[in-house]
C-alpha atoms as a PDB file:
ATOM      1  CA  THR A   1      22.291  -7.612  14.725  1.00  0.00           C
ATOM      2  CA  HIS A   2      19.145  -9.811  13.133  1.00  0.00           C
ATOM      3  CA  ALA A   3      17.006  -8.338  14.728  1.00  0.00           C
ATOM      4  CA  HIS A   4      18.261  -4.817  13.319  1.00  0.00           C
ATOM      5  CA  THR A   5      18.992  -6.124   9.566  1.00  0.00           C
ATOM      6  CA  HIS A   6      15.245  -7.355   9.705  1.00  0.00           C
ATOM      7  CA  ALA A   7      13.854  -3.658  10.654  1.00  0.00           C
ATOM      8  CA  ARG A   8      16.604  -2.335   7.235  1.00  0.00           C
ATOM      9  CA  THR A   9      14.774  -4.912   5.241  1.00  0.00           C
ATOM     10  CA  HIS A  10      10.863  -4.694   6.488  1.00  0.00           C
ATOM     11  CA  ALA A  11      11.346  -0.740   5.322  1.00  0.00           C
ATOM     12  CA  HIS A  12      13.072  -1.052   2.685  1.00  0.00           C
ATOM     13  CA  THR A  13      10.807  -3.735   1.626  1.00  0.00           C
ATOM     14  CA  HIS A  14       7.553  -1.329   2.837  1.00  0.00           C
ATOM     15  CA  ALA A  15       8.827   1.836   0.442  1.00  0.00           C
ATOM     16  CA  SER A  16       8.747  -0.167  -2.529  1.00  0.00           C
ATOM     17  CA  THR A  17       5.677  -1.929  -1.942  1.00  0.00           C
ATOM     18  CA  ARG A  18       5.124   2.070  -2.111  1.00  0.00           C
ATOM     19  CA  THR A  19       6.837   2.616  -4.941  1.00  0.00           C
ATOM     20  CA  HIS A  20       5.493  -0.007  -7.401  1.00  0.00           C
ATOM     21  CA  ASN A  21       2.034   0.544  -6.372  1.00  0.00           C
ATOM     22  CA  CYS A  22       2.806   4.105  -7.579  1.00  0.00           C
ATOM     23  CA  ALA A  23       4.582   4.111 -10.755  1.00  0.00           C
ATOM     24  CA  SER A  24       1.790   0.728 -11.872  1.00  0.00           C
ATOM     25  CA  PHE A  25      -0.968   1.856 -11.501  1.00  0.00           C
ATOM     26  CA  PHE A  26      -1.082   5.956 -10.878  1.00  0.00           C
ATOM     27  CA  VAL A  27       0.767   6.810 -13.808  1.00  0.00           C
ATOM     28  CA  PRO A  28      -1.650   5.369 -15.792  1.00  0.00           C
ATOM     29  CA  HIS A  29      -4.550   6.918 -14.379  1.00  0.00           C
ATOM     30  CA  ILE A  30      -3.153  10.084 -15.042  1.00  0.00           C
ATOM     31  CA  MET A  31      -2.713   9.370 -18.931  1.00  0.00           C
ATOM     32  CA  LEU A  32      -5.900   7.851 -19.191  1.00  0.00           C
ATOM     33  CA  GLU A  33      -7.051  11.233 -17.631  1.00  0.00           C
ATOM     34  CA  GLN A  34      -4.637  13.667 -19.925  1.00  0.00           C
ATOM     35  CA  LEU A  35      -6.877  11.659 -22.678  1.00  0.00           C
ATOM     36  CA  ASN A  36      -9.647  13.187 -21.267  1.00  0.00           C
ATOM     37  CA  VAL A  37     -11.318   9.749 -21.019  1.00  0.00           C
ATOM     38  CA  SER A  38     -12.323   9.916 -16.953  1.00  0.00           C
ATOM     39  CA  GLY A  39     -14.630   7.501 -16.245  1.00  0.00           C
ATOM     40  CA  HIS A  40     -13.633   5.359 -18.902  1.00  0.00           C
ATOM     41  CA  PRO A  41     -13.873   1.593 -17.969  1.00  0.00           C
ATOM     42  CA  LEU A  42     -10.276   1.064 -18.095  1.00  0.00           C
ATOM     43  CA  GLN A  43      -9.316   3.502 -15.204  1.00  0.00           C
ATOM     44  CA  THR A  44     -11.916   2.084 -12.870  1.00  0.00           C
ATOM     45  CA  LEU A  45     -10.160  -1.771 -13.332  1.00  0.00           C
ATOM     46  CA  ASN A  46      -6.515   0.150 -12.606  1.00  0.00           C
ATOM     47  CA  GLY A  47      -7.824   1.050  -9.562  1.00  0.00           C
ATOM     48  CA  LEU A  48      -9.113  -2.083  -9.249  1.00  0.00           C
ATOM     49  CA  LEU A  49      -6.214  -3.650  -9.175  1.00  0.00           C
ATOM     50  CA  LEU A  50      -4.330  -1.051  -7.714  1.00  0.00           C
ATOM     51  CA  VAL A  51      -6.314  -1.518  -4.301  1.00  0.00           C
ATOM     52  CA  PHE A  52      -6.359  -5.400  -4.723  1.00  0.00           C
ATOM     53  CA  SER A  53      -2.300  -4.679  -4.591  1.00  0.00           C
ATOM     54  CA  TYR A  54      -2.686  -2.247  -1.241  1.00  0.00           C
ATOM     55  CA  ILE A  55      -5.065  -5.103   0.161  1.00  0.00           C
ATOM     56  CA  ALA A  56      -1.575  -7.742  -1.226  1.00  0.00           C
ATOM     57  CA  CYS A  57       0.814  -6.137  -0.307  1.00  0.00           C
ATOM     58  CA  ARG A  58       0.043  -3.187   2.201  1.00  0.00           C
ATOM     59  CA  ILE A  59      -2.826  -5.148   3.836  1.00  0.00           C
ATOM     60  CA  LEU A  60      -1.803  -8.658   4.211  1.00  0.00           C
ATOM     61  CA  ILE A  61       2.174  -9.288   3.826  1.00  0.00           C
ATOM     62  CA  CYS A  62       3.182  -6.111   6.228  1.00  0.00           C
ATOM     63  CA  SER A  63       1.186  -7.433   8.441  1.00  0.00           C
ATOM     64  CA  TYR A  64       2.616 -10.808   7.890  1.00  0.00           C
ATOM     65  CA  VAL A  65       6.185  -8.899   7.912  1.00  0.00           C
ATOM     66  CA  GLY A  66       5.161  -6.832  11.221  1.00  0.00           C
ATOM     67  CA  ILE A  67       4.423 -10.759  12.672  1.00  0.00           C
ATOM     68  CA  VAL A  68       7.651 -11.716  11.994  1.00  0.00           C
ATOM     69  CA  PHE A  69       9.116  -8.370  12.595  1.00  0.00           C
ATOM     70  CA  THR A  70       7.454  -8.854  16.129  1.00  0.00           C
ATOM     71  CA  ILE A  71       8.347 -12.686  17.129  1.00  0.00           C
ATOM     72  CA  ASP A  72      12.882 -11.246  16.101  1.00  0.00           C
ATOM     73  CA  ILE A  73      12.374  -8.560  18.616  1.00  0.00           C
ATOM     74  CA  VAL A  74      11.111 -11.317  21.137  1.00  0.00           C
ATOM     75  CA  ASN A  75      14.004 -13.538  20.691  1.00  0.00           C
ATOM     76  CA  PHE A  76      16.510 -10.356  19.893  1.00  0.00           C
ATOM     77  CA  SER A  77      19.642  -9.879  22.622  1.00  0.00           C
ATOM     78  CA  SER A  78      21.708  -7.102  23.425  1.00  0.00           C
ATOM     79  CA  ARG A  79      23.301  -5.398  25.970  1.00  0.00           C
ATOM     80  CA  ASP A  80      23.992  -2.711  24.188  1.00  0.00           C
ATOM     81  CA  GLU A  81      21.154   0.432  25.214  1.00  0.00           C
ATOM     82  CA  ALA A  82      21.746   2.773  21.362  1.00  0.00           C
ATOM     83  CA  GLU A  83      21.418  -1.055  19.877  1.00  0.00           C
ATOM     84  CA  TRP A  84      18.208  -1.092  21.360  1.00  0.00           C
ATOM     85  CA  ALA A  85      16.841   2.076  20.936  1.00  0.00           C
ATOM     86  CA  MET A  86      17.738   1.609  17.393  1.00  0.00           C
ATOM     87  CA  VAL A  87      14.906  -1.508  17.420  1.00  0.00           C
ATOM     88  CA  ILE A  88      12.915  -0.049  19.727  1.00  0.00           C
ATOM     89  CA  LEU A  89      12.623   2.946  16.746  1.00  0.00           C
ATOM     90  CA  SER A  90      12.724   0.958  13.839  1.00  0.00           C
ATOM     91  CA  TYR A  91       9.773  -1.454  15.540  1.00  0.00           C
ATOM     92  CA  VAL A  92       7.722   1.807  16.700  1.00  0.00           C
ATOM     93  CA  LEU A  93       7.608   3.295  13.146  1.00  0.00           C
ATOM     94  CA  TYR A  94       6.851   0.281  11.392  1.00  0.00           C
ATOM     95  CA  LEU A  95       4.177  -0.150  13.481  1.00  0.00           C
ATOM     96  CA  ALA A  96       2.539   3.130  12.764  1.00  0.00           C
ATOM     97  CA  VAL A  97       2.599   2.319   8.637  1.00  0.00           C
ATOM     98  CA  LEU A  98       1.248   0.286   9.874  1.00  0.00           C
ATOM     99  CA  LEU A  99      -1.196   1.152  11.501  1.00  0.00           C
ATOM    100  CA  LEU A 100      -1.273   3.542   9.137  1.00  0.00           C
ATOM    101  CA  SER A 101      -2.288   1.552   5.580  1.00  0.00           C
ATOM    102  CA  TRP A 102      -4.805  -0.447   8.183  1.00  0.00           C
ATOM    103  CA  ILE A 103      -6.610   3.514   7.923  1.00  0.00           C
ATOM    104  CA  TRP A 104      -6.485   4.264   4.926  1.00  0.00           C
ATOM    105  CA  LEU A 105      -7.781   0.215   4.424  1.00  0.00           C
ATOM    106  CA  ARG A 106     -11.068   1.927   4.244  1.00  0.00           C
ATOM    107  CA  LYS A 107     -11.233   4.548   2.734  1.00  0.00           C
ATOM    108  CA  VAL A 108      -9.633   2.368   0.479  1.00  0.00           C
ATOM    109  CA  LEU A 109     -12.384   0.112   0.380  1.00  0.00           C
ATOM    110  CA  TYR A 110     -14.752   2.573  -0.658  1.00  0.00           C
ATOM    111  CA  GLY A 111     -13.043   3.521  -3.674  1.00  0.00           C
ATOM    112  CA  LEU A 112     -13.329  -0.142  -4.942  1.00  0.00           C
ATOM    113  CA  VAL A 113     -16.960  -0.094  -4.134  1.00  0.00           C
ATOM    114  CA  GLN A 114     -17.779   3.559  -5.876  1.00  0.00           C
ATOM    115  CA  GLY A 115     -15.666   2.242  -8.699  1.00  0.00           C
ATOM    116  CA  VAL A 116     -17.880  -0.869  -8.967  1.00  0.00           C
ATOM    117  CA  ARG A 117     -20.842   0.671  -8.563  1.00  0.00           C
ATOM    118  CA  GLN A 118     -19.366   3.121 -11.723  1.00  0.00           C
ATOM    119  CA  LEU A 119     -18.664   0.061 -13.992  1.00  0.00           C
ATOM    120  CA  LEU A 120     -21.987  -1.750 -13.213  1.00  0.00           C
ATOM    121  CA  GLY A 121     -24.183   1.748 -12.939  1.00  0.00           C
ATOM    122  CA  THR A 122     -22.519   2.895 -17.300  1.00  0.00           C
ATOM    123  CA  SER A 123     -22.152   0.821 -20.512  1.00  0.00           C
ATOM    124  CA  GLY A 124     -20.117   3.368 -22.343  1.00  0.00           C
ATOM    125  CA  TYR A 125     -17.520   6.245 -20.929  1.00  0.00           C
ATOM    126  CA  LYS A 126     -18.228   9.763 -21.848  1.00  0.00           C
ATOM    127  CA  SER A 127     -14.532  11.502 -22.264  1.00  0.00           C
ATOM    128  CA  SER A 128     -14.458  14.931 -20.841  1.00  0.00           C
ATOM    129  CA  THR A 129     -15.088  16.330 -24.688  1.00  0.00           C
ATOM    130  CA  GLY A 130     -18.842  14.879 -24.685  1.00  0.00           C
ATOM    131  CA  ARG A 131     -17.902  12.193 -27.118  1.00  0.00           C
END
């Protein structure tokens, strides 16, 4: 059915967004740490880009998808109880993950503020070896 297809599409979109963020931002962050350049402006810039992609994907796009999902459920009709159960379960799980994204936003924004302060307060960087 239409709502069930949307539930699968929404879950896939959310999972692929999370995977994309990990691959695009976490790996460069770890690579910079392995090079002993913790606190380098590139690492801070990487963090800023991660925050902006988090806000764009996990907050804005996923919230929009949640609204569309809600509209689809309002228009959904079925006489099959099992189908209703799957649609409702998908909806509840999606809302739970979306709620977590909003809860984590505070920590993400706190990290953004700390990164900007570090970037603006430091003219250069120091590697962990002191060079």
